[in-house]
Amino acid sequence: MTDRTLRVEGMSCGHCKAAVEEELGKLSGVESSNADFEKGTVEVRYDEDRVTTEDLEGAIEEAGYSVEA
């Protein structure tokens, strides 16, 4: 398992947190995610053999937010 923290732009409330975590949870291979809208981050634990960074970023974008480089 791989742990990664991504910077997410635009989260401002509990709904934002839930939306990001829900989209990431739809990816097969994501074990857990924990978004923190106050810090603007999401910590993701995933199987890198099944999920790529691009997959994670795509899920966050699907939730309506963008990933900062």
Protein backbone atom coordinates (compact mmCIF):
# COMPACT_ATOMS: atom_id res chain seq x y z
CA MET A 1 0.00 0.00 0.00
CA THR A 2 1.07 3.53 -0.76
CA ASP A 3 0.23 6.62 1.27
CA ARG A 4 0.09 9.95 -0.54
CA THR A 5 -1.02 13.43 0.44
CA LEU A 6 -2.45 15.61 -2.32
CA ARG A 7 -3.14 19.35 -2.16
CA VAL A 8 -6.72 20.04 -3.20
CA GLU A 9 -7.82 23.51 -4.26
CA GLY A 10 -11.32 24.75 -3.52
CA MET A 11 -12.46 22.67 -0.54
CA SER A 12 -14.15 24.85 2.06
CA CYS A 13 -16.60 22.74 4.09
CA GLY A 14 -17.67 19.31 5.27
CA HIS A 15 -19.61 18.73 2.07
CA CYS A 16 -16.41 19.30 0.07
CA LYS A 17 -14.60 16.77 2.27
CA ALA A 18 -17.36 14.20 1.78
CA ALA A 19 -17.49 14.73 -2.00
CA VAL A 20 -13.75 14.19 -2.43
CA GLU A 21 -13.71 11.13 -0.17
CA GLU A 22 -16.74 9.65 -1.95
CA GLU A 23 -15.19 9.95 -5.42
CA LEU A 24 -11.88 8.51 -4.26
CA GLY A 25 -13.74 5.65 -2.57
CA LYS A 26 -15.23 4.65 -5.93
CA LEU A 27 -11.78 3.72 -7.23
CA SER A 28 -10.95 0.05 -6.94
CA GLY A 29 -7.67 -0.09 -5.07
CA VAL A 30 -8.23 2.88 -2.77
CA GLU A 31 -8.22 1.58 0.79
CA SER A 32 -8.95 4.88 2.53
CA SER A 33 -9.02 8.63 2.11
CA ASN A 34 -9.18 11.48 4.58
CA ALA A 35 -9.74 14.99 3.27
CA ASP A 36 -9.05 18.03 5.44
CA PHE A 37 -10.72 21.11 3.99
CA GLU A 38 -9.01 23.42 6.50
CA LYS A 39 -5.55 22.31 5.35
CA GLY A 40 -6.63 21.82 1.73
CA THR A 41 -5.28 18.28 1.61
CA VAL A 42 -6.41 14.71 1.19
CA GLU A 43 -4.48 11.72 2.47
CA VAL A 44 -5.02 8.61 0.37
CA ARG A 45 -3.95 5.02 1.02
CA TYR A 46 -4.06 2.94 -2.14
CA ASP A 47 -2.62 0.00 -4.05
CA GLU A 48 -0.30 1.54 -6.64
CA ASP A 49 -0.58 -1.62 -8.77
CA ARG A 50 -4.28 -0.85 -9.27
CA VAL A 51 -4.54 2.95 -9.01
CA THR A 52 -2.34 5.69 -10.50
CA THR A 53 -1.82 9.25 -9.35
CA GLU A 54 -3.72 10.29 -12.47
CA ASP A 55 -6.68 8.15 -11.33
CA LEU A 56 -6.65 9.90 -7.95
CA GLU A 57 -6.48 13.33 -9.55
CA GLY A 58 -9.30 12.41 -11.94
CA ALA A 59 -11.54 11.37 -9.06
CA ILE A 60 -10.86 14.64 -7.23
CA GLU A 61 -11.65 16.59 -10.41
CA GLU A 62 -14.84 14.55 -10.82
CA ALA A 63 -15.83 15.79 -7.35
CA GLY A 64 -15.41 19.34 -8.64
CA TYR A 65 -12.00 20.27 -7.24
CA SER A 66 -8.49 20.54 -8.64
CA VAL A 67 -5.20 19.10 -7.47
CA GLU A 68 -2.32 21.51 -6.94
CA ALA A 69 1.12 20.51 -8.17
